[in-house]
Every structure is written in C-alpha cells, then in structure tokens.
PDB file of all heavy atoms in Angstrom:
ATOM      1  N   LYS A   1      -2.622 -25.555  37.097  1.00  0.00           N
ATOM      2  CA  LYS A   1      -2.623 -24.242  36.451  1.00  0.00           C
ATOM      3  C   LYS A   1      -1.322 -23.495  36.694  1.00  0.00           C
ATOM      4  O   LYS A   1      -0.845 -22.740  35.855  1.00  0.00           O
ATOM      5  CB  LYS A   1      -3.804 -23.419  36.974  1.00  0.00           C
ATOM      6  CG  LYS A   1      -3.951 -22.063  36.285  1.00  0.00           C
ATOM      7  CD  LYS A   1      -5.187 -21.338  36.816  1.00  0.00           C
ATOM      8  CE  LYS A   1      -5.338 -19.985  36.129  1.00  0.00           C
ATOM      9  NZ  LYS A   1      -6.523 -19.257  36.640  1.00  0.00           N
ATOM     10  N   HIS A   2      -0.709 -23.736  37.849  1.00  0.00           N
ATOM     11  CA  HIS A   2       0.456 -22.932  38.234  1.00  0.00           C
ATOM     12  C   HIS A   2       1.716 -23.768  38.442  1.00  0.00           C
ATOM     13  O   HIS A   2       2.583 -23.388  39.225  1.00  0.00           O
ATOM     14  CB  HIS A   2       0.154 -22.157  39.519  1.00  0.00           C
ATOM     15  CG  HIS A   2      -0.985 -21.186  39.372  1.00  0.00           C
ATOM     16  ND1 HIS A   2      -0.891 -20.038  38.630  1.00  0.00           N
ATOM     17  CD2 HIS A   2      -2.256 -21.226  39.865  1.00  0.00           C
ATOM     18  CE1 HIS A   2      -2.052 -19.380  38.680  1.00  0.00           C
ATOM     19  NE2 HIS A   2      -2.890 -20.093  39.420  1.00  0.00           N
ATOM     20  N   ILE A   3       1.836 -24.902  37.751  1.00  0.00           N
ATOM     21  CA  ILE A   3       3.035 -25.744  37.903  1.00  0.00           C
ATOM     22  C   ILE A   3       4.327 -24.950  37.747  1.00  0.00           C
ATOM     23  O   ILE A   3       5.240 -25.070  38.559  1.00  0.00           O
ATOM     24  CB  ILE A   3       3.003 -26.927  36.911  1.00  0.00           C
ATOM     25  CG1 ILE A   3       2.061 -28.005  37.449  1.00  0.00           C
ATOM     26  CG2 ILE A   3       4.388 -27.533  36.719  1.00  0.00           C
ATOM     27  CD1 ILE A   3       1.894 -29.175  36.509  1.00  0.00           C
ATOM     28  N   PRO A   4       4.463 -24.113  36.693  1.00  0.00           N
ATOM     29  CA  PRO A   4       5.727 -23.373  36.539  1.00  0.00           C
ATOM     30  C   PRO A   4       6.044 -22.478  37.731  1.00  0.00           C
ATOM     31  O   PRO A   4       7.201 -22.213  38.030  1.00  0.00           O
ATOM     32  CB  PRO A   4       5.492 -22.549  35.273  1.00  0.00           C
ATOM     33  CG  PRO A   4       4.433 -23.308  34.525  1.00  0.00           C
ATOM     34  CD  PRO A   4       3.538 -23.853  35.601  1.00  0.00           C
ATOM     35  N   ASP A   5       4.986 -21.990  38.427  1.00  0.00           N
ATOM     36  CA  ASP A   5       5.226 -21.117  39.579  1.00  0.00           C
ATOM     37  C   ASP A   5       5.680 -21.918  40.792  1.00  0.00           C
ATOM     38  O   ASP A   5       6.440 -21.440  41.628  1.00  0.00           O
ATOM     39  CB  ASP A   5       3.939 -20.354  39.941  1.00  0.00           C
ATOM     40  CG  ASP A   5       3.464 -19.475  38.791  1.00  0.00           C
ATOM     41  OD1 ASP A   5       4.327 -18.976  38.048  1.00  0.00           O
ATOM     42  OD2 ASP A   5       2.241 -19.320  38.640  1.00  0.00           O
ATOM     43  N   PHE A   6       5.223 -23.173  40.903  1.00  0.00           N
ATOM     44  CA  PHE A   6       5.531 -23.987  42.074  1.00  0.00           C
ATOM     45  C   PHE A   6       6.917 -24.624  41.999  1.00  0.00           C
ATOM     46  O   PHE A   6       7.511 -24.948  43.002  1.00  0.00           O
ATOM     47  CB  PHE A   6       4.488 -25.092  42.248  1.00  0.00           C
ATOM     48  CG  PHE A   6       3.144 -24.589  42.709  1.00  0.00           C
ATOM     49  CD1 PHE A   6       2.013 -25.370  42.545  1.00  0.00           C
ATOM     50  CD2 PHE A   6       3.018 -23.343  43.289  1.00  0.00           C
ATOM     51  CE1 PHE A   6       0.777 -24.918  42.976  1.00  0.00           C
ATOM     52  CE2 PHE A   6       1.790 -22.890  43.719  1.00  0.00           C
ATOM     53  CZ  PHE A   6       0.666 -23.668  43.556  1.00  0.00           C
ATOM     54  N   ILE A   7       7.388 -24.874  40.792  1.00  0.00           N
ATOM     55  CA  ILE A   7       8.669 -25.546  40.641  1.00  0.00           C
ATOM     56  C   ILE A   7       9.731 -24.542  40.238  1.00  0.00           C
ATOM     57  O   ILE A   7       9.662 -23.944  39.175  1.00  0.00           O
ATOM     58  CB  ILE A   7       8.596 -26.660  39.586  1.00  0.00           C
ATOM     59  CG1 ILE A   7       7.523 -27.674  39.985  1.00  0.00           C
ATOM     60  CG2 ILE A   7       9.941 -27.345  39.418  1.00  0.00           C
ATOM     61  CD1 ILE A   7       7.353 -28.795  38.988  1.00  0.00           C
ATOM     62  N   PRO A   8      10.734 -24.310  41.062  1.00  0.00           N
ATOM     63  CA  PRO A   8      11.786 -23.347  40.745  1.00  0.00           C
ATOM     64  C   PRO A   8      12.502 -23.727  39.464  1.00  0.00           C
ATOM     65  O   PRO A   8      12.868 -24.880  39.264  1.00  0.00           O
ATOM     66  CB  PRO A   8      12.737 -23.455  41.947  1.00  0.00           C
ATOM     67  CG  PRO A   8      11.931 -24.086  43.018  1.00  0.00           C
ATOM     68  CD  PRO A   8      10.954 -24.977  42.342  1.00  0.00           C
ATOM     69  N   LEU A   9      12.682 -22.783  38.562  1.00  0.00           N
ATOM     70  CA  LEU A   9      13.335 -23.042  37.290  1.00  0.00           C
ATOM     71  C   LEU A   9      14.806 -22.665  37.309  1.00  0.00           C
ATOM     72  O   LEU A   9      15.504 -22.838  36.329  1.00  0.00           O
ATOM     73  CB  LEU A   9      12.626 -22.249  36.178  1.00  0.00           C
ATOM     74  CG  LEU A   9      11.135 -22.527  36.004  1.00  0.00           C
ATOM     75  CD1 LEU A   9      10.585 -21.665  34.869  1.00  0.00           C
ATOM     76  CD2 LEU A   9      10.879 -23.989  35.697  1.00  0.00           C
ATOM     77  N   ASN A  10      15.291 -22.161  38.439  1.00  0.00           N
ATOM     78  CA  ASN A  10      16.654 -21.650  38.474  1.00  0.00           C
ATOM     79  C   ASN A  10      17.619 -22.593  39.185  1.00  0.00           C
ATOM     80  O   ASN A  10      18.699 -22.198  39.590  1.00  0.00           O
ATOM     81  CB  ASN A  10      16.682 -20.280  39.166  1.00  0.00           C
ATOM     82  CG  ASN A  10      16.158 -20.356  40.593  1.00  0.00           C
ATOM     83  OD1 ASN A  10      15.575 -21.355  40.973  1.00  0.00           O
ATOM     84  ND2 ASN A  10      16.352 -19.283  41.353  1.00  0.00           N
ATOM     85  N   ILE A  11      17.216 -23.859  39.365  1.00  0.00           N
ATOM     86  CA  ILE A  11      18.119 -24.816  39.988  1.00  0.00           C
ATOM     87  C   ILE A  11      18.979 -25.431  38.893  1.00  0.00           C
ATOM     88  O   ILE A  11      18.498 -26.194  38.062  1.00  0.00           O
ATOM     89  CB  ILE A  11      17.352 -25.920  40.724  1.00  0.00           C
ATOM     90  CG1 ILE A  11      16.530 -25.292  41.851  1.00  0.00           C
ATOM     91  CG2 ILE A  11      18.301 -26.965  41.278  1.00  0.00           C
ATOM     92  CD1 ILE A  11      15.686 -26.297  42.599  1.00  0.00           C
ATOM     93  N   ALA A  12      20.240 -25.081  38.864  1.00  0.00           N
ATOM     94  CA  ALA A  12      21.120 -25.518  37.786  1.00  0.00           C
ATOM     95  C   ALA A  12      21.661 -26.914  38.023  1.00  0.00           C
ATOM     96  O   ALA A  12      21.969 -27.632  37.085  1.00  0.00           O
ATOM     97  CB  ALA A  12      22.278 -24.532  37.630  1.00  0.00           C
ATOM     98  N   ASP A  13      21.776 -27.290  39.288  1.00  0.00           N
ATOM     99  CA  ASP A  13      22.381 -28.580  39.606  1.00  0.00           C
ATOM    100  C   ASP A  13      21.362 -29.474  40.294  1.00  0.00           C
ATOM    101  O   ASP A  13      20.300 -29.028  40.709  1.00  0.00           O
ATOM    102  CB  ASP A  13      23.588 -28.370  40.531  1.00  0.00           C
ATOM    103  CG  ASP A  13      24.599 -29.494  40.393  1.00  0.00           C
ATOM    104  OD1 ASP A  13      24.273 -30.477  39.714  1.00  0.00           O
ATOM    105  OD2 ASP A  13      25.685 -29.373  40.964  1.00  0.00           O
ATOM    106  N   SER A  14      21.676 -30.758  40.375  1.00  0.00           N
ATOM    107  CA  SER A  14      20.784 -31.688  41.055  1.00  0.00           C
ATOM    108  C   SER A  14      20.874 -31.479  42.562  1.00  0.00           C
ATOM    109  O   SER A  14      21.850 -30.923  43.074  1.00  0.00           O
ATOM    110  CB  SER A  14      21.151 -33.129  40.706  1.00  0.00           C
ATOM    111  OG  SER A  14      22.488 -33.386  41.074  1.00  0.00           O
ATOM    112  N   LEU A  15      19.875 -31.943  43.266  1.00  0.00           N
ATOM    113  CA  LEU A  15      19.848 -31.776  44.717  1.00  0.00           C
ATOM    114  C   LEU A  15      20.875 -32.657  45.412  1.00  0.00           C
ATOM    115  O   LEU A  15      21.329 -32.357  46.500  1.00  0.00           O
ATOM    116  CB  LEU A  15      18.453 -32.110  45.250  1.00  0.00           C
ATOM    117  CG  LEU A  15      17.324 -31.185  44.783  1.00  0.00           C
ATOM    118  CD1 LEU A  15      15.995 -31.703  45.285  1.00  0.00           C
ATOM    119  CD2 LEU A  15      17.562 -29.767  45.263  1.00  0.00           C
ATOM    120  N   LEU A  16      21.213 -33.772  44.778  1.00  0.00           N
ATOM    121  CA  LEU A  16      22.169 -34.696  45.375  1.00  0.00           C
ATOM    122  C   LEU A  16      23.327 -34.960  44.422  1.00  0.00           C
ATOM    123  O   LEU A  16      23.162 -34.955  43.209  1.00  0.00           O
ATOM    124  CB  LEU A  16      21.480 -36.031  45.711  1.00  0.00           C
ATOM    125  CG  LEU A  16      20.320 -35.972  46.708  1.00  0.00           C
ATOM    126  CD1 LEU A  16      19.702 -37.359  46.859  1.00  0.00           C
ATOM    127  CD2 LEU A  16      20.779 -35.466  48.061  1.00  0.00           C
ATOM    128  N   ASP A  17      24.475 -35.196  44.991  1.00  0.00           N
ATOM    129  CA  ASP A  17      25.675 -35.509  44.226  1.00  0.00           C
ATOM    130  C   ASP A  17      25.780 -37.028  44.093  1.00  0.00           C
ATOM    131  O   ASP A  17      25.716 -37.749  45.090  1.00  0.00           O
ATOM    132  CB  ASP A  17      26.895 -34.951  44.967  1.00  0.00           C
ATOM    133  CG  ASP A  17      28.192 -35.184  44.223  1.00  0.00           C
ATOM    134  OD1 ASP A  17      28.135 -35.687  43.073  1.00  0.00           O
ATOM    135  OD2 ASP A  17      29.256 -34.870  44.774  1.00  0.00           O
ATOM    136  N   ASP A  18      25.919 -37.528  42.864  1.00  0.00           N
ATOM    137  CA  ASP A  18      25.980 -38.980  42.688  1.00  0.00           C
ATOM    138  C   ASP A  18      27.401 -39.536  42.776  1.00  0.00           C
ATOM    139  O   ASP A  18      27.624 -40.725  42.552  1.00  0.00           O
ATOM    140  CB  ASP A  18      25.337 -39.405  41.370  1.00  0.00           C
ATOM    141  CG  ASP A  18      26.033 -38.822  40.152  1.00  0.00           C
ATOM    142  OD1 ASP A  18      27.113 -38.234  40.304  1.00  0.00           O
ATOM    143  OD2 ASP A  18      25.487 -38.954  39.048  1.00  0.00           O
ATOM    144  N   GLU A  19      28.362 -38.706  43.134  1.00  0.00           N
ATOM    145  CA  GLU A  19      29.745 -39.171  43.246  1.00  0.00           C
ATOM    146  C   GLU A  19      29.896 -40.291  44.289  1.00  0.00           C
ATOM    147  O   GLU A  19      30.615 -41.273  44.048  1.00  0.00           O
ATOM    148  CB  GLU A  19      30.675 -38.001  43.587  1.00  0.00           C
ATOM    149  CG  GLU A  19      32.148 -38.293  43.322  1.00  0.00           C
ATOM    150  CD  GLU A  19      32.436 -38.660  41.879  1.00  0.00           C
ATOM    151  OE1 GLU A  19      31.816 -38.092  40.977  1.00  0.00           O
ATOM    152  OE2 GLU A  19      33.296 -39.552  41.680  1.00  0.00           O
ATOM    153  N   PRO A  20      29.238 -40.192  45.465  1.00  0.00           N
ATOM    154  CA  PRO A  20      29.330 -41.301  46.430  1.00  0.00           C
ATOM    155  C   PRO A  20      28.828 -42.623  45.867  1.00  0.00           C
ATOM    156  O   PRO A  20      29.404 -43.678  46.146  1.00  0.00           O
ATOM    157  CB  PRO A  20      28.447 -40.826  47.595  1.00  0.00           C
ATOM    158  CG  PRO A  20      28.485 -39.340  47.504  1.00  0.00           C
ATOM    159  CD  PRO A  20      28.503 -39.041  46.040  1.00  0.00           C
ATOM    160  N   LEU A  21      27.752 -42.586  45.068  1.00  0.00           N
ATOM    161  CA  LEU A  21      27.245 -43.815  44.460  1.00  0.00           C
ATOM    162  C   LEU A  21      28.240 -44.384  43.458  1.00  0.00           C
ATOM    163  O   LEU A  21      28.435 -45.600  43.367  1.00  0.00           O
ATOM    164  CB  LEU A  21      25.904 -43.549  43.771  1.00  0.00           C
ATOM    165  CG  LEU A  21      24.693 -43.344  44.684  1.00  0.00           C
ATOM    166  CD1 LEU A  21      23.459 -43.011  43.856  1.00  0.00           C
ATOM    167  CD2 LEU A  21      24.435 -44.578  45.528  1.00  0.00           C
ATOM    168  N   LYS A  22      28.882 -43.495  42.703  1.00  0.00           N
ATOM    169  CA  LYS A  22      29.891 -43.940  41.737  1.00  0.00           C
ATOM    170  C   LYS A  22      31.048 -44.626  42.459  1.00  0.00           C
ATOM    171  O   LYS A  22      31.552 -45.657  42.010  1.00  0.00           O
ATOM    172  CB  LYS A  22      30.416 -42.750  40.939  1.00  0.00           C
ATOM    173  CG  LYS A  22      29.429 -42.164  39.941  1.00  0.00           C
ATOM    174  CD  LYS A  22      30.041 -40.998  39.187  1.00  0.00           C
ATOM    175  CE  LYS A  22      29.077 -40.409  38.176  1.00  0.00           C
ATOM    176  NZ  LYS A  22      29.653 -39.244  37.460  1.00  0.00           N
ATOM    177  N   GLU A  23      31.451 -44.055  43.572  1.00  0.00           N
ATOM    178  CA  GLU A  23      32.559 -44.632  44.342  1.00  0.00           C
ATOM    179  C   GLU A  23      32.181 -46.015  44.891  1.00  0.00           C
ATOM    180  O   GLU A  23      33.008 -46.939  44.903  1.00  0.00           O
ATOM    181  CB  GLU A  23      32.948 -43.688  45.483  1.00  0.00           C
ATOM    182  CG  GLU A  23      33.573 -42.388  45.002  1.00  0.00           C
ATOM    183  CD  GLU A  23      33.828 -41.405  46.135  1.00  0.00           C
ATOM    184  OE1 GLU A  23      33.497 -41.743  47.292  1.00  0.00           O
ATOM    185  OE2 GLU A  23      34.332 -40.292  45.870  1.00  0.00           O
ATOM    186  N   LEU A  24      30.929 -46.150  45.332  1.00  0.00           N
ATOM    187  CA  LEU A  24      30.473 -47.442  45.840  1.00  0.00           C
ATOM    188  C   LEU A  24      30.452 -48.492  44.732  1.00  0.00           C
ATOM    189  O   LEU A  24      30.820 -49.652  44.942  1.00  0.00           O
ATOM    190  CB  LEU A  24      29.075 -47.307  46.449  1.00  0.00           C
ATOM    191  CG  LEU A  24      29.005 -46.638  47.829  1.00  0.00           C
ATOM    192  CD1 LEU A  24      27.567 -46.370  48.205  1.00  0.00           C
ATOM    193  CD2 LEU A  24      29.674 -47.511  48.882  1.00  0.00           C
ATOM    194  N   LEU A  25      30.020 -48.085  43.535  1.00  0.00           N
ATOM    195  CA  LEU A  25      30.021 -49.016  42.410  1.00  0.00           C
ATOM    196  C   LEU A  25      31.440 -49.454  42.074  1.00  0.00           C
ATOM    197  O   LEU A  25      31.691 -50.625  41.773  1.00  0.00           O
ATOM    198  CB  LEU A  25      29.365 -48.365  41.187  1.00  0.00           C
ATOM    199  CG  LEU A  25      27.837 -48.287  41.179  1.00  0.00           C
ATOM    200  CD1 LEU A  25      27.345 -47.586  39.919  1.00  0.00           C
ATOM    201  CD2 LEU A  25      27.220 -49.670  41.276  1.00  0.00           C
ATOM    202  N   GLU A  26      32.368 -48.506  42.113  1.00  0.00           N
ATOM    203  CA  GLU A  26      33.759 -48.831  41.828  1.00  0.00           C
ATOM    204  C   GLU A  26      34.308 -49.852  42.825  1.00  0.00           C
ATOM    205  O   GLU A  26      35.038 -50.765  42.468  1.00  0.00           O
ATOM    206  CB  GLU A  26      34.617 -47.558  41.874  1.00  0.00           C
ATOM    207  CG  GLU A  26      34.403 -46.609  40.716  1.00  0.00           C
ATOM    208  CD  GLU A  26      34.947 -47.153  39.405  1.00  0.00           C
ATOM    209  OE1 GLU A  26      35.818 -48.040  39.452  1.00  0.00           O
ATOM    210  OE2 GLU A  26      34.478 -46.708  38.337  1.00  0.00           O
ATOM    211  N   GLU A  27      33.914 -49.673  44.094  1.00  0.00           N
ATOM    212  CA  GLU A  27      34.466 -50.520  45.148  1.00  0.00           C
ATOM    213  C   GLU A  27      33.777 -51.878  45.245  1.00  0.00           C
ATOM    214  O   GLU A  27      34.438 -52.907  45.457  1.00  0.00           O
ATOM    215  CB  GLU A  27      34.358 -49.797  46.500  1.00  0.00           C
ATOM    216  CG  GLU A  27      34.944 -50.589  47.661  1.00  0.00           C
ATOM    217  CD  GLU A  27      34.874 -49.834  48.982  1.00  0.00           C
ATOM    218  OE1 GLU A  27      34.461 -48.653  48.984  1.00  0.00           O
ATOM    219  OE2 GLU A  27      35.230 -50.432  50.016  1.00  0.00           O
ATOM    220  N   TYR A  28      32.460 -51.903  45.074  1.00  0.00           N
ATOM    221  CA  TYR A  28      31.711 -53.121  45.371  1.00  0.00           C
ATOM    222  C   TYR A  28      31.262 -53.907  44.139  1.00  0.00           C
ATOM    223  O   TYR A  28      30.897 -55.078  44.268  1.00  0.00           O
ATOM    224  CB  TYR A  28      30.483 -52.794  46.224  1.00  0.00           C
ATOM    225  CG  TYR A  28      30.803 -52.707  47.685  1.00  0.00           C
ATOM    226  CD1 TYR A  28      31.244 -51.521  48.248  1.00  0.00           C
ATOM    227  CD2 TYR A  28      30.692 -53.820  48.518  1.00  0.00           C
ATOM    228  CE1 TYR A  28      31.567 -51.440  49.597  1.00  0.00           C
ATOM    229  CE2 TYR A  28      31.000 -53.754  49.859  1.00  0.00           C
ATOM    230  CZ  TYR A  28      31.445 -52.556  50.395  1.00  0.00           C
ATOM    231  OH  TYR A  28      31.767 -52.478  51.727  1.00  0.00           O
ATOM    232  N   LEU A  29      31.254 -53.274  42.968  1.00  0.00           N
ATOM    233  CA  LEU A  29      30.767 -53.976  41.788  1.00  0.00           C
ATOM    234  C   LEU A  29      31.930 -54.501  40.956  1.00  0.00           C
ATOM    235  O   LEU A  29      32.760 -53.734  40.470  1.00  0.00           O
ATOM    236  CB  LEU A  29      29.898 -53.047  40.930  1.00  0.00           C
ATOM    237  CG  LEU A  29      29.299 -53.689  39.681  1.00  0.00           C
ATOM    238  CD1 LEU A  29      28.381 -54.846  40.058  1.00  0.00           C
ATOM    239  CD2 LEU A  29      28.521 -52.649  38.859  1.00  0.00           C
ATOM    240  N   ASP A  30      31.996 -55.816  40.801  1.00  0.00           N
ATOM    241  CA  ASP A  30      33.009 -56.463  39.974  1.00  0.00           C
ATOM    242  C   ASP A  30      32.491 -56.480  38.540  1.00  0.00           C
ATOM    243  O   ASP A  30      31.633 -57.302  38.182  1.00  0.00           O
ATOM    244  CB  ASP A  30      33.257 -57.879  40.478  1.00  0.00           C
ATOM    245  CG  ASP A  30      34.405 -58.563  39.760  1.00  0.00           C
ATOM    246  OD1 ASP A  30      34.690 -58.208  38.609  1.00  0.00           O
ATOM    247  OD2 ASP A  30      35.021 -59.480  40.352  1.00  0.00           O
ATOM    248  N   VAL A  31      32.997 -55.570  37.715  1.00  0.00           N
ATOM    249  CA  VAL A  31      32.493 -55.409  36.350  1.00  0.00           C
ATOM    250  C   VAL A  31      32.704 -56.676  35.523  1.00  0.00           C
ATOM    251  O   VAL A  31      31.828 -57.087  34.753  1.00  0.00           O
ATOM    252  CB  VAL A  31      33.164 -54.199  35.660  1.00  0.00           C
ATOM    253  CG1 VAL A  31      32.707 -54.089  34.215  1.00  0.00           C
ATOM    254  CG2 VAL A  31      32.833 -52.918  36.412  1.00  0.00           C
ATOM    255  N   LYS A  32      33.852 -57.320  35.693  1.00  0.00           N
ATOM    256  CA  LYS A  32      34.128 -58.545  34.940  1.00  0.00           C
ATOM    257  C   LYS A  32      33.162 -59.656  35.345  1.00  0.00           C
ATOM    258  O   LYS A  32      32.649 -60.402  34.499  1.00  0.00           O
ATOM    259  CB  LYS A  32      35.570 -58.995  35.168  1.00  0.00           C
ATOM    260  CG  LYS A  32      36.609 -58.098  34.520  1.00  0.00           C
ATOM    261  CD  LYS A  32      38.009 -58.659  34.723  1.00  0.00           C
ATOM    262  CE  LYS A  32      39.051 -57.764  34.045  1.00  0.00           C
ATOM    263  NZ  LYS A  32      40.429 -58.295  34.257  1.00  0.00           N
ATOM    264  N   ALA A  33      32.913 -59.763  36.651  1.00  0.00           N
ATOM    265  CA  ALA A  33      31.982 -60.792  37.130  1.00  0.00           C
ATOM    266  C   ALA A  33      30.564 -60.505  36.643  1.00  0.00           C
ATOM    267  O   ALA A  33      29.811 -61.426  36.307  1.00  0.00           O
ATOM    268  CB  ALA A  33      32.014 -60.858  38.654  1.00  0.00           C
ATOM    269  N   LEU A  34      30.196 -59.218  36.585  1.00  0.00           N
ATOM    270  CA  LEU A  34      28.869 -58.846  36.101  1.00  0.00           C
ATOM    271  C   LEU A  34      28.726 -59.194  34.623  1.00  0.00           C
ATOM    272  O   LEU A  34      27.693 -59.694  34.180  1.00  0.00           O
ATOM    273  CB  LEU A  34      28.622 -57.357  36.325  1.00  0.00           C
ATOM    274  CG  LEU A  34      27.284 -56.807  35.801  1.00  0.00           C
ATOM    275  CD1 LEU A  34      26.114 -57.497  36.493  1.00  0.00           C
ATOM    276  CD2 LEU A  34      27.211 -55.297  36.008  1.00  0.00           C
ATOM    277  N   LYS A  35      29.778 -58.943  33.871  1.00  0.00           N
ATOM    278  CA  LYS A  35      29.750 -59.192  32.421  1.00  0.00           C
ATOM    279  C   LYS A  35      29.466 -60.656  32.121  1.00  0.00           C
ATOM    280  O   LYS A  35      28.747 -60.984  31.168  1.00  0.00           O
ATOM    281  CB  LYS A  35      31.094 -58.786  31.810  1.00  0.00           C
ATOM    282  CG  LYS A  35      31.087 -58.713  30.285  1.00  0.00           C
ATOM    283  CD  LYS A  35      30.314 -57.503  29.787  1.00  0.00           C
ATOM    284  CE  LYS A  35      30.420 -57.334  28.290  1.00  0.00           C
ATOM    285  NZ  LYS A  35      29.642 -56.175  27.793  1.00  0.00           N
ATOM    286  N   SER A  36      30.024 -61.540  32.943  1.00  0.00           N
ATOM    287  CA  SER A  36      29.835 -62.975  32.723  1.00  0.00           C
ATOM    288  C   SER A  36      28.815 -63.578  33.693  1.00  0.00           C
ATOM    289  O   SER A  36      28.677 -64.797  33.766  1.00  0.00           O
ATOM    290  CB  SER A  36      31.171 -63.708  32.877  1.00  0.00           C
ATOM    291  OG  SER A  36      31.704 -63.514  34.181  1.00  0.00           O
ATOM    292  N   GLY A  37      28.132 -62.713  34.432  1.00  0.00           N
ATOM    293  CA  GLY A  37      27.214 -63.193  35.466  1.00  0.00           C
ATOM    294  C   GLY A  37      25.800 -63.420  34.969  1.00  0.00           C
ATOM    295  O   GLY A  37      25.560 -63.633  33.776  1.00  0.00           O
ATOM    296  N   LEU A  38      24.859 -63.379  35.897  1.00  0.00           N
ATOM    297  CA  LEU A  38      23.457 -63.595  35.559  1.00  0.00           C
ATOM    298  C   LEU A  38      22.949 -62.459  34.682  1.00  0.00           C
ATOM    299  O   LEU A  38      23.356 -61.305  34.854  1.00  0.00           O
ATOM    300  CB  LEU A  38      22.607 -63.647  36.835  1.00  0.00           C
ATOM    301  CG  LEU A  38      22.976 -64.684  37.890  1.00  0.00           C
ATOM    302  CD1 LEU A  38      22.055 -64.546  39.091  1.00  0.00           C
ATOM    303  CD2 LEU A  38      22.903 -66.096  37.308  1.00  0.00           C
ATOM    304  N   PRO A  39      22.060 -62.756  33.726  1.00  0.00           N
ATOM    305  CA  PRO A  39      21.468 -61.680  32.924  1.00  0.00           C
ATOM    306  C   PRO A  39      20.810 -60.647  33.841  1.00  0.00           C
ATOM    307  O   PRO A  39      20.049 -61.001  34.737  1.00  0.00           O
ATOM    308  CB  PRO A  39      20.423 -62.412  32.068  1.00  0.00           C
ATOM    309  CG  PRO A  39      20.891 -63.828  32.018  1.00  0.00           C
ATOM    310  CD  PRO A  39      21.542 -64.086  33.352  1.00  0.00           C
ATOM    311  N   LEU A  40      21.136 -59.376  33.612  1.00  0.00           N
ATOM    312  CA  LEU A  40      20.587 -58.302  34.434  1.00  0.00           C
ATOM    313  C   LEU A  40      19.891 -57.280  33.546  1.00  0.00           C
ATOM    314  O   LEU A  40      20.477 -56.788  32.579  1.00  0.00           O
ATOM    315  CB  LEU A  40      21.700 -57.608  35.230  1.00  0.00           C
ATOM    316  CG  LEU A  40      21.286 -56.349  36.001  1.00  0.00           C
ATOM    317  CD1 LEU A  40      20.268 -56.671  37.094  1.00  0.00           C
ATOM    318  CD2 LEU A  40      22.509 -55.654  36.613  1.00  0.00           C
TER     319      LEU A  40
END
C-alpha cells in the first residue's frame, strides 16, 4: 500500500559507481579474444 513512501524518489544517482568495474574490464578482458572465443 505504501511502496512510494518506503522508497525514496529523490535519489538521482546510483548507490554505487560502476567506473571500477569498467576499469577492470579494460584491464582483464581481451576484447579480441572474446570476439573469437567461446560463445557467450
């Protein structure tokens, strides 16, 4: 009955920053190898 009251509507940004995950993908994921690798 009160979902809108329980969940704050004024949070403009996400709780976590995904920049660290992006950096890890850049460092550890070989895009060329993935492209020719196992179907994912």
